[in-house]
Amino acid sequence: MARTGRATLAAEELNVTHSAVSRQVKALEDQLGVRLFSGPKHRLELTEAGRRLLPALTGAFDQIAAAVGQVRAGGEDLLIAVNASVSVKWLIPRLARFTAAYPSVNVELAELPSHANSYRGAHAVVRIVPSSRLSEPEATGFMANHLGLVMSPGLAQRYAASPQAAPRLMAQTHPQGWAIWAALTGVELPPGPEQPFAHLHFALDAAIAGLGAAVMPWPLVADYVRNSRLVAPMGFRKAESAFAILTTPGVSSRALDRFRDWLVAEGAQTAPPPLTP
């Protein structure tokens, strides 16, 4: 309920009725003697007690699920949760190389919600994280993150004098992307139309189609820039973030070590971006 915000959504995930979920939460609140949720049923929010309880319980249940999965699979199956755009535009196109190198390891990918840093039952998650998280023991950065404004060659000609004035394509999973890029480059964004898309890779495909300009991480667009399907008229700037794998605390296996090392090697092979002049 804390993750989904609604008893009905939690019930769908657990394959039980929403009243069963509500009863269990009420029973837990009675046992603890505190309220865990407040607000209307359609927009529940955690209380202070709920916010204190959630991180520890989430980590504990994640460790249990991952450990059980590891024993059941003999340590050679991996469940990796990945942000959708990183999966579609970077990881999946390269995954055949890992499979060829380690045919005994079966990698299953799950979609990691944009705000999540863990996933129930996963051995690890792969996502873009703030650089400050790279010092955590479970975090391994495998690629620096550079942000740049990209658009189709035709659109770049139309907005050659002021690329930032092109129609803006926004990703709802990364709504702050344009603001971060503007701060990195010192560019003032003029008022203009904005078109929202559910994911970065949707906005990326829209940019390729010439619908507007998008702010994108270099690893997701490197191939498109190299083959001239996209151009980056203002180059790229290094962001205070990185692509990283976050392993579930307490979970380890030979297969996980191989996958992590493979990610680091793949990241090292990524060509550097054209930097902002």
C-alpha atoms as a PDB file:
ATOM      1  CA  MET A   1       0.000   0.000   0.000  1.00  0.00           C
ATOM      2  CA  ALA A   2       2.875   2.379   0.699  1.00  0.00           C
ATOM      3  CA  ARG A   3       4.329   1.841  -2.771  1.00  0.00           C
ATOM      4  CA  THR A   4       1.072   1.918  -4.725  1.00  0.00           C
ATOM      5  CA  GLY A   5      -0.784   4.460  -2.590  1.00  0.00           C
ATOM      6  CA  ARG A   6      -4.053   2.524  -2.751  1.00  0.00           C
ATOM      7  CA  ALA A   7      -5.412  -0.661  -1.189  1.00  0.00           C
ATOM      8  CA  THR A   8      -7.034  -1.675  -4.492  1.00  0.00           C
ATOM      9  CA  LEU A   9      -3.733  -1.508  -6.383  1.00  0.00           C
ATOM     10  CA  ALA A  10      -1.924  -3.408  -3.642  1.00  0.00           C
ATOM     11  CA  ALA A  11      -4.679  -6.039  -3.729  1.00  0.00           C
ATOM     12  CA  GLU A  12      -4.301  -6.498  -7.488  1.00  0.00           C
ATOM     13  CA  GLU A  13      -0.571  -7.087  -7.066  1.00  0.00           C
ATOM     14  CA  LEU A  14      -1.131  -9.577  -4.240  1.00  0.00           C
ATOM     15  CA  ASN A  15      -4.109 -11.306  -5.904  1.00  0.00           C
ATOM     16  CA  VAL A  16      -6.381 -10.726  -2.917  1.00  0.00           C
ATOM     17  CA  THR A  17      -9.369  -8.452  -2.259  1.00  0.00           C
ATOM     18  CA  HIS A  18      -8.797  -4.825  -1.290  1.00  0.00           C
ATOM     19  CA  SER A  19     -10.739  -5.425   1.939  1.00  0.00           C
ATOM     20  CA  ALA A  20      -8.254  -8.159   2.868  1.00  0.00           C
ATOM     21  CA  VAL A  21      -5.392  -5.693   2.435  1.00  0.00           C
ATOM     22  CA  SER A  22      -7.198  -3.048   4.476  1.00  0.00           C
ATOM     23  CA  ARG A  23      -7.890  -5.549   7.277  1.00  0.00           C
ATOM     24  CA  GLN A  24      -4.253  -6.596   7.423  1.00  0.00           C
ATOM     25  CA  VAL A  25      -3.098  -2.982   7.626  1.00  0.00           C
ATOM     26  CA  LYS A  26      -5.670  -2.239  10.320  1.00  0.00           C
ATOM     27  CA  ALA A  27      -4.533  -5.306  12.287  1.00  0.00           C
ATOM     28  CA  LEU A  28      -0.905  -4.142  12.029  1.00  0.00           C
ATOM     29  CA  GLU A  29      -1.854  -0.647  13.188  1.00  0.00           C
ATOM     30  CA  ASP A  30      -3.749  -2.111  16.163  1.00  0.00           C
ATOM     31  CA  GLN A  31      -0.790  -4.291  17.087  1.00  0.00           C
ATOM     32  CA  LEU A  32       1.683  -1.409  16.863  1.00  0.00           C
ATOM     33  CA  GLY A  33      -0.629   1.123  18.455  1.00  0.00           C
ATOM     34  CA  VAL A  34       0.042   3.745  15.747  1.00  0.00           C
ATOM     35  CA  ARG A  35      -1.534   4.902  12.486  1.00  0.00           C
ATOM     36  CA  LEU A  36       0.506   4.016   9.395  1.00  0.00           C
ATOM     37  CA  PHE A  37      -1.612   5.737   6.735  1.00  0.00           C
ATOM     38  CA  SER A  38      -3.671   8.911   6.568  1.00  0.00           C
ATOM     39  CA  GLY A  39      -5.765  10.689   3.968  1.00  0.00           C
ATOM     40  CA  PRO A  40      -8.613   9.611   1.657  1.00  0.00           C
ATOM     41  CA  LYS A  41      -8.758   6.084   0.315  1.00  0.00           C
ATOM     42  CA  HIS A  42      -7.861   7.192  -3.217  1.00  0.00           C
ATOM     43  CA  ARG A  43      -4.750   9.092  -2.069  1.00  0.00           C
ATOM     44  CA  LEU A  44      -3.240   7.484   0.993  1.00  0.00           C
ATOM     45  CA  GLU A  45      -0.108   8.920   2.543  1.00  0.00           C
ATOM     46  CA  LEU A  46       2.260   7.417   5.074  1.00  0.00           C
ATOM     47  CA  THR A  47       2.245   8.890   8.551  1.00  0.00           C
ATOM     48  CA  GLU A  48       5.525   9.688  10.294  1.00  0.00           C
ATOM     49  CA  ALA A  49       5.416   6.218  11.884  1.00  0.00           C
ATOM     50  CA  GLY A  50       4.801   4.640   8.485  1.00  0.00           C
ATOM     51  CA  ARG A  51       7.721   6.523   6.950  1.00  0.00           C
ATOM     52  CA  ARG A  52      10.020   5.263   9.715  1.00  0.00           C
ATOM     53  CA  LEU A  53       8.848   1.680   9.334  1.00  0.00           C
ATOM     54  CA  LEU A  54       8.876   1.388   5.539  1.00  0.00           C
ATOM     55  CA  PRO A  55      12.634   1.412   4.630  1.00  0.00           C
ATOM     56  CA  ALA A  56      13.642  -1.295   7.091  1.00  0.00           C
ATOM     57  CA  LEU A  57      10.732  -3.590   6.212  1.00  0.00           C
ATOM     58  CA  THR A  58      11.245  -3.072   2.479  1.00  0.00           C
ATOM     59  CA  GLY A  59      14.911  -4.005   2.725  1.00  0.00           C
ATOM     60  CA  ALA A  60      14.179  -7.026   4.902  1.00  0.00           C
ATOM     61  CA  PHE A  61      11.489  -8.432   2.612  1.00  0.00           C
ATOM     62  CA  ASP A  62      13.658  -7.794  -0.456  1.00  0.00           C
ATOM     63  CA  GLN A  63      16.505  -9.764   1.123  1.00  0.00           C
ATOM     64  CA  ILE A  64      14.187 -12.658   2.011  1.00  0.00           C
ATOM     65  CA  ALA A  65      12.692 -12.834  -1.481  1.00  0.00           C
ATOM     66  CA  ALA A  66      16.066 -12.615  -3.201  1.00  0.00           C
ATOM     67  CA  ALA A  67      17.650 -15.237  -0.917  1.00  0.00           C
ATOM     68  CA  VAL A  68      14.784 -17.687  -1.514  1.00  0.00           C
ATOM     69  CA  GLY A  69      14.991 -17.110  -5.246  1.00  0.00           C
ATOM     70  CA  GLN A  70      18.736 -17.676  -5.190  1.00  0.00           C
ATOM     71  CA  VAL A  71      18.416 -21.024  -3.411  1.00  0.00           C
ATOM     72  CA  ARG A  72      15.539 -22.145  -5.631  1.00  0.00           C
ATOM     73  CA  ALA A  73      17.456 -21.265  -8.810  1.00  0.00           C
ATOM     74  CA  GLY A  74      20.775 -22.717  -7.713  1.00  0.00           C
ATOM     75  CA  GLY A  75      22.382 -19.293  -8.013  1.00  0.00           C
ATOM     76  CA  GLU A  76      22.435 -19.255 -11.842  1.00  0.00           C
ATOM     77  CA  ASP A  77      19.167 -17.410 -12.492  1.00  0.00           C
ATOM     78  CA  LEU A  78      19.210 -13.637 -12.134  1.00  0.00           C
ATOM     79  CA  LEU A  79      16.263 -11.317 -11.710  1.00  0.00           C
ATOM     80  CA  ILE A  80      17.374  -7.809 -12.604  1.00  0.00           C
ATOM     81  CA  ALA A  81      14.974  -4.876 -12.288  1.00  0.00           C
ATOM     82  CA  VAL A  82      15.747  -2.045 -14.700  1.00  0.00           C
ATOM     83  CA  ASN A  83      14.254   1.345 -15.466  1.00  0.00           C
ATOM     84  CA  ALA A  84      12.288   0.900 -18.684  1.00  0.00           C
ATOM     85  CA  SER A  85      14.249   3.339 -20.855  1.00  0.00           C
ATOM     86  CA  VAL A  86      17.644   2.031 -19.714  1.00  0.00           C
ATOM     87  CA  SER A  87      16.424  -1.482 -20.475  1.00  0.00           C
ATOM     88  CA  VAL A  88      14.972  -0.740 -23.923  1.00  0.00           C
ATOM     89  CA  LYS A  89      17.624   1.654 -25.232  1.00  0.00           C
ATOM     90  CA  TRP A  90      20.807   0.332 -23.635  1.00  0.00           C
ATOM     91  CA  LEU A  91      20.702  -2.994 -21.803  1.00  0.00           C
ATOM     92  CA  ILE A  92      18.587  -5.229 -24.058  1.00  0.00           C
ATOM     93  CA  PRO A  93      20.510  -4.363 -27.258  1.00  0.00           C
ATOM     94  CA  ARG A  94      23.680  -5.597 -25.511  1.00  0.00           C
ATOM     95  CA  LEU A  95      22.299  -8.513 -23.527  1.00  0.00           C
ATOM     96  CA  ALA A  96      23.047 -11.109 -26.194  1.00  0.00           C
ATOM     97  CA  ARG A  97      26.751 -10.548 -25.529  1.00  0.00           C
ATOM     98  CA  PHE A  98      26.312 -11.494 -21.878  1.00  0.00           C
ATOM     99  CA  THR A  99      24.274 -14.566 -22.831  1.00  0.00           C
ATOM    100  CA  ALA A 100      26.965 -15.651 -25.288  1.00  0.00           C
ATOM    101  CA  ALA A 101      29.679 -15.237 -22.667  1.00  0.00           C
ATOM    102  CA  TYR A 102      27.710 -16.940 -19.855  1.00  0.00           C
ATOM    103  CA  PRO A 103      25.143 -19.293 -21.402  1.00  0.00           C
ATOM    104  CA  SER A 104      24.434 -20.979 -18.051  1.00  0.00           C
ATOM    105  CA  VAL A 105      23.111 -17.729 -16.519  1.00  0.00           C
ATOM    106  CA  ASN A 106      19.472 -16.987 -17.224  1.00  0.00           C
ATOM    107  CA  VAL A 107      18.755 -13.264 -16.891  1.00  0.00           C
ATOM    108  CA  GLU A 108      15.160 -12.223 -16.314  1.00  0.00           C
ATOM    109  CA  LEU A 109      14.408  -8.508 -16.599  1.00  0.00           C
ATOM    110  CA  ALA A 110      11.656  -6.744 -14.666  1.00  0.00           C
ATOM    111  CA  GLU A 111      10.556  -3.130 -15.060  1.00  0.00           C
ATOM    112  CA  LEU A 112      11.740  -0.992 -12.178  1.00  0.00           C
ATOM    113  CA  PRO A 113       9.415   1.933 -11.389  1.00  0.00           C
ATOM    114  CA  SER A 114      11.091   5.286 -12.007  1.00  0.00           C
ATOM    115  CA  HIS A 115      11.132   6.221  -8.304  1.00  0.00           C
ATOM    116  CA  ALA A 116      12.214   2.809  -6.943  1.00  0.00           C
ATOM    117  CA  ASN A 117      15.667   1.768  -5.780  1.00  0.00           C
ATOM    118  CA  SER A 118      14.713  -1.823  -4.967  1.00  0.00           C
ATOM    119  CA  TYR A 119      12.432  -4.491  -6.366  1.00  0.00           C
ATOM    120  CA  ARG A 120      10.928  -7.383  -4.441  1.00  0.00           C
ATOM    121  CA  GLY A 121      12.767 -10.623  -5.271  1.00  0.00           C
ATOM    122  CA  ALA A 122      15.371  -9.021  -7.546  1.00  0.00           C
ATOM    123  CA  HIS A 123      19.043  -9.780  -7.123  1.00  0.00           C
ATOM    124  CA  ALA A 124      19.849  -6.216  -8.196  1.00  0.00           C
ATOM    125  CA  VAL A 125      18.456  -3.142  -9.882  1.00  0.00           C
ATOM    126  CA  VAL A 126      20.003  -1.130 -12.698  1.00  0.00           C
ATOM    127  CA  ARG A 127      19.209   2.567 -12.907  1.00  0.00           C
ATOM    128  CA  ILE A 128      20.612   6.090 -13.002  1.00  0.00           C
ATOM    129  CA  VAL A 129      21.497   7.256  -9.484  1.00  0.00           C
ATOM    130  CA  PRO A 130      22.917  10.442  -7.949  1.00  0.00           C
ATOM    131  CA  SER A 131      26.708  10.345  -7.843  1.00  0.00           C
ATOM    132  CA  SER A 132      26.577  10.511  -4.041  1.00  0.00           C
ATOM    133  CA  ARG A 133      25.132   6.986  -3.948  1.00  0.00           C
ATOM    134  CA  LEU A 134      28.182   5.438  -5.630  1.00  0.00           C
ATOM    135  CA  SER A 135      29.969   5.284  -2.277  1.00  0.00           C
ATOM    136  CA  GLU A 136      27.350   2.881  -0.893  1.00  0.00           C
ATOM    137  CA  PRO A 137      28.627  -0.715  -0.515  1.00  0.00           C
ATOM    138  CA  GLU A 138      25.869  -2.211  -2.695  1.00  0.00           C
ATOM    139  CA  ALA A 139      26.314   0.335  -5.522  1.00  0.00           C
ATOM    140  CA  THR A 140      28.635  -0.125  -8.499  1.00  0.00           C
ATOM    141  CA  GLY A 141      28.748   2.646 -11.076  1.00  0.00           C
ATOM    142  CA  PHE A 142      29.452   1.399 -14.568  1.00  0.00           C
ATOM    143  CA  MET A 143      28.928   4.475 -16.741  1.00  0.00           C
ATOM    144  CA  ALA A 144      29.087   8.236 -16.250  1.00  0.00           C
ATOM    145  CA  ASN A 145      25.992  10.200 -17.175  1.00  0.00           C
ATOM    146  CA  HIS A 146      26.118  13.122 -19.597  1.00  0.00           C
ATOM    147  CA  LEU A 147      23.009  15.075 -20.574  1.00  0.00           C
ATOM    148  CA  GLY A 148      22.396  16.759 -23.891  1.00  0.00           C
ATOM    149  CA  LEU A 149      19.659  18.243 -26.023  1.00  0.00           C
ATOM    150  CA  VAL A 150      18.952  16.066 -29.076  1.00  0.00           C
ATOM    151  CA  MET A 151      16.684  16.486 -32.077  1.00  0.00           C
ATOM    152  CA  SER A 152      16.292  15.316 -35.666  1.00  0.00           C
ATOM    153  CA  PRO A 153      18.609  16.848 -38.288  1.00  0.00           C
ATOM    154  CA  GLY A 154      15.661  18.541 -39.994  1.00  0.00           C
ATOM    155  CA  LEU A 155      14.463  20.166 -36.767  1.00  0.00           C
ATOM    156  CA  ALA A 156      18.013  21.237 -35.953  1.00  0.00           C
ATOM    157  CA  GLN A 157      18.139  23.210 -39.208  1.00  0.00           C
ATOM    158  CA  ARG A 158      14.880  25.000 -38.353  1.00  0.00           C
ATOM    159  CA  TYR A 159      16.153  25.960 -34.910  1.00  0.00           C
ATOM    160  CA  ALA A 160      19.823  26.429 -35.742  1.00  0.00           C
ATOM    161  CA  ALA A 161      19.991  29.851 -34.092  1.00  0.00           C
ATOM    162  CA  SER A 162      18.339  28.710 -30.842  1.00  0.00           C
ATOM    163  CA  PRO A 163      18.003  24.920 -30.383  1.00  0.00           C
ATOM    164  CA  GLN A 164      16.529  25.350 -26.899  1.00  0.00           C
ATOM    165  CA  ALA A 165      13.528  27.117 -28.451  1.00  0.00           C
ATOM    166  CA  ALA A 166      12.369  23.942 -30.239  1.00  0.00           C
ATOM    167  CA  PRO A 167       9.193  22.238 -28.944  1.00  0.00           C
ATOM    168  CA  ARG A 168      10.110  20.400 -25.772  1.00  0.00           C
ATOM    169  CA  LEU A 169       9.503  16.676 -25.342  1.00  0.00           C
ATOM    170  CA  MET A 170       9.123  15.758 -21.667  1.00  0.00           C
ATOM    171  CA  ALA A 171       9.435  12.368 -19.948  1.00  0.00           C
ATOM    172  CA  GLN A 172       7.085  11.945 -17.006  1.00  0.00           C
ATOM    173  CA  THR A 173       9.576   9.549 -15.422  1.00  0.00           C
ATOM    174  CA  HIS A 174      12.240  12.297 -15.542  1.00  0.00           C
ATOM    175  CA  PRO A 175      10.312  15.596 -15.377  1.00  0.00           C
ATOM    176  CA  GLN A 176      13.295  17.526 -14.038  1.00  0.00           C
ATOM    177  CA  GLY A 177      15.516  16.647 -17.045  1.00  0.00           C
ATOM    178  CA  TRP A 178      15.160  19.955 -18.849  1.00  0.00           C
ATOM    179  CA  ALA A 179      15.747  21.981 -15.678  1.00  0.00           C
ATOM    180  CA  ILE A 180      18.879  19.966 -14.841  1.00  0.00           C
ATOM    181  CA  TRP A 181      20.222  20.421 -18.370  1.00  0.00           C
ATOM    182  CA  ALA A 182      19.521  24.165 -18.309  1.00  0.00           C
ATOM    183  CA  ALA A 183      21.377  24.483 -14.993  1.00  0.00           C
ATOM    184  CA  LEU A 184      24.342  22.485 -16.316  1.00  0.00           C
ATOM    185  CA  THR A 185      24.640  24.560 -19.491  1.00  0.00           C
ATOM    186  CA  GLY A 186      23.613  27.937 -18.125  1.00  0.00           C
ATOM    187  CA  VAL A 187      20.934  28.193 -20.815  1.00  0.00           C
ATOM    188  CA  GLU A 188      17.718  30.068 -20.102  1.00  0.00           C
ATOM    189  CA  LEU A 189      14.721  28.143 -21.404  1.00  0.00           C
ATOM    190  CA  PRO A 190      12.229  30.365 -23.228  1.00  0.00           C
ATOM    191  CA  PRO A 191       8.489  29.803 -22.775  1.00  0.00           C
ATOM    192  CA  GLY A 192       7.277  27.219 -25.261  1.00  0.00           C
ATOM    193  CA  PRO A 193       5.084  24.200 -25.876  1.00  0.00           C
ATOM    194  CA  GLU A 194       5.809  20.990 -23.966  1.00  0.00           C
ATOM    195  CA  GLN A 195       4.629  17.529 -24.949  1.00  0.00           C
ATOM    196  CA  PRO A 196       4.659  14.879 -22.200  1.00  0.00           C
ATOM    197  CA  PHE A 197       5.516  11.213 -22.710  1.00  0.00           C
ATOM    198  CA  ALA A 198       5.367   8.372 -20.215  1.00  0.00           C
ATOM    199  CA  HIS A 199       9.031   7.326 -20.537  1.00  0.00           C
ATOM    200  CA  LEU A 200      12.369   8.640 -21.736  1.00  0.00           C
ATOM    201  CA  HIS A 201      12.414   6.151 -24.597  1.00  0.00           C
ATOM    202  CA  PHE A 202       9.022   7.393 -25.805  1.00  0.00           C
ATOM    203  CA  ALA A 203      10.342  10.969 -25.845  1.00  0.00           C
ATOM    204  CA  LEU A 204      13.483   9.717 -27.580  1.00  0.00           C
ATOM    205  CA  ASP A 205      11.490   8.054 -30.361  1.00  0.00           C
ATOM    206  CA  ALA A 206       9.442  11.246 -30.702  1.00  0.00           C
ATOM    207  CA  ALA A 207      12.663  13.237 -31.135  1.00  0.00           C
ATOM    208  CA  ILE A 208      13.830  10.852 -33.858  1.00  0.00           C
ATOM    209  CA  ALA A 209      10.464  11.400 -35.580  1.00  0.00           C
ATOM    210  CA  GLY A 210      11.044  15.163 -35.576  1.00  0.00           C
ATOM    211  CA  LEU A 211       8.339  16.086 -33.059  1.00  0.00           C
ATOM    212  CA  GLY A 212      10.643  18.177 -30.920  1.00  0.00           C
ATOM    213  CA  ALA A 213      13.804  18.282 -28.835  1.00  0.00           C
ATOM    214  CA  ALA A 214      14.513  16.056 -25.854  1.00  0.00           C
ATOM    215  CA  VAL A 215      17.074  16.109 -23.057  1.00  0.00           C
ATOM    216  CA  MET A 216      18.669  12.675 -22.960  1.00  0.00           C
ATOM    217  CA  PRO A 217      21.509  10.753 -21.276  1.00  0.00           C
ATOM    218  CA  TRP A 218      24.318  10.124 -23.749  1.00  0.00           C
ATOM    219  CA  PRO A 219      24.380   6.293 -23.416  1.00  0.00           C
ATOM    220  CA  LEU A 220      20.741   6.085 -24.537  1.00  0.00           C
ATOM    221  CA  VAL A 221      21.279   8.178 -27.674  1.00  0.00           C
ATOM    222  CA  ALA A 222      24.914   7.464 -28.614  1.00  0.00           C
ATOM    223  CA  ASP A 223      24.045   5.104 -31.471  1.00  0.00           C
ATOM    224  CA  TYR A 224      21.422   7.495 -32.879  1.00  0.00           C
ATOM    225  CA  VAL A 225      23.851  10.419 -32.841  1.00  0.00           C
ATOM    226  CA  ARG A 226      26.612   8.380 -34.473  1.00  0.00           C
ATOM    227  CA  ASN A 227      24.341   7.268 -37.329  1.00  0.00           C
ATOM    228  CA  SER A 228      22.987  10.842 -37.729  1.00  0.00           C
ATOM    229  CA  ARG A 229      19.373  10.021 -36.859  1.00  0.00           C
ATOM    230  CA  LEU A 230      19.773  12.584 -34.091  1.00  0.00           C
ATOM    231  CA  VAL A 231      22.014  15.580 -33.641  1.00  0.00           C
ATOM    232  CA  ALA A 232      23.169  17.271 -30.439  1.00  0.00           C
ATOM    233  CA  PRO A 233      23.744  20.888 -31.506  1.00  0.00           C
ATOM    234  CA  MET A 234      24.823  21.998 -28.028  1.00  0.00           C
ATOM    235  CA  GLY A 235      26.823  18.922 -27.054  1.00  0.00           C
ATOM    236  CA  PHE A 236      26.643  17.148 -23.695  1.00  0.00           C
ATOM    237  CA  ARG A 237      27.478  18.088 -20.131  1.00  0.00           C
ATOM    238  CA  LYS A 238      28.500  15.741 -17.323  1.00  0.00           C
ATOM    239  CA  ALA A 239      25.696  15.360 -14.788  1.00  0.00           C
ATOM    240  CA  GLU A 240      25.958  14.611 -11.073  1.00  0.00           C
ATOM    241  CA  SER A 241      24.634  11.109 -11.681  1.00  0.00           C
ATOM    242  CA  ALA A 242      25.728   7.770 -13.098  1.00  0.00           C
ATOM    243  CA  PHE A 243      24.436   4.467 -14.407  1.00  0.00           C
ATOM    244  CA  ALA A 244      24.781   1.938 -11.603  1.00  0.00           C
ATOM    245  CA  ILE A 245      23.839  -1.536 -10.438  1.00  0.00           C
ATOM    246  CA  LEU A 246      22.492  -1.702  -6.875  1.00  0.00           C
ATOM    247  CA  THR A 247      22.683  -5.214  -5.493  1.00  0.00           C
ATOM    248  CA  THR A 248      20.172  -6.330  -2.886  1.00  0.00           C
ATOM    249  CA  PRO A 249      21.823  -6.280   0.584  1.00  0.00           C
ATOM    250  CA  GLY A 250      22.874  -9.728   1.713  1.00  0.00           C
ATOM    251  CA  VAL A 251      22.511 -11.288  -1.736  1.00  0.00           C
ATOM    252  CA  SER A 252      25.512 -12.636  -3.631  1.00  0.00           C
ATOM    253  CA  SER A 253      26.174 -15.260  -6.265  1.00  0.00           C
ATOM    254  CA  ARG A 254      28.659 -16.091  -8.973  1.00  0.00           C
ATOM    255  CA  ALA A 255      26.082 -15.157 -11.599  1.00  0.00           C
ATOM    256  CA  LEU A 256      25.501 -11.750 -10.016  1.00  0.00           C
ATOM    257  CA  ASP A 257      29.254 -11.085  -9.846  1.00  0.00           C
ATOM    258  CA  ARG A 258      29.578 -11.944 -13.538  1.00  0.00           C
ATOM    259  CA  PHE A 259      26.698  -9.690 -14.508  1.00  0.00           C
ATOM    260  CA  ARG A 260      28.098  -6.782 -12.511  1.00  0.00           C
ATOM    261  CA  ASP A 261      31.572  -7.207 -14.031  1.00  0.00           C
ATOM    262  CA  TRP A 262      30.023  -7.433 -17.495  1.00  0.00           C
ATOM    263  CA  LEU A 263      28.147  -4.154 -16.951  1.00  0.00           C
ATOM    264  CA  VAL A 264      31.377  -2.430 -15.933  1.00  0.00           C
ATOM    265  CA  ALA A 265      33.126  -3.751 -19.066  1.00  0.00           C
ATOM    266  CA  GLU A 266      30.237  -2.694 -21.316  1.00  0.00           C
ATOM    267  CA  GLY A 267      30.186   0.751 -19.775  1.00  0.00           C
ATOM    268  CA  ALA A 268      33.906   1.149 -20.388  1.00  0.00           C
ATOM    269  CA  GLN A 269      33.338   0.467 -24.093  1.00  0.00           C
ATOM    270  CA  THR A 270      30.828   3.307 -24.470  1.00  0.00           C
ATOM    271  CA  ALA A 271      32.345   6.084 -26.573  1.00  0.00           C
ATOM    272  CA  PRO A 272      32.613   9.497 -24.888  1.00  0.00           C
ATOM    273  CA  PRO A 273      30.003  12.069 -25.898  1.00  0.00           C
ATOM    274  CA  PRO A 274      30.601  15.263 -27.865  1.00  0.00           C
ATOM    275  CA  LEU A 275      30.983  17.810 -25.102  1.00  0.00           C
ATOM    276  CA  THR A 276      29.439  21.260 -24.949  1.00  0.00           C
ATOM    277  CA  PRO A 277      31.742  23.734 -26.734  1.00  0.00           C
END
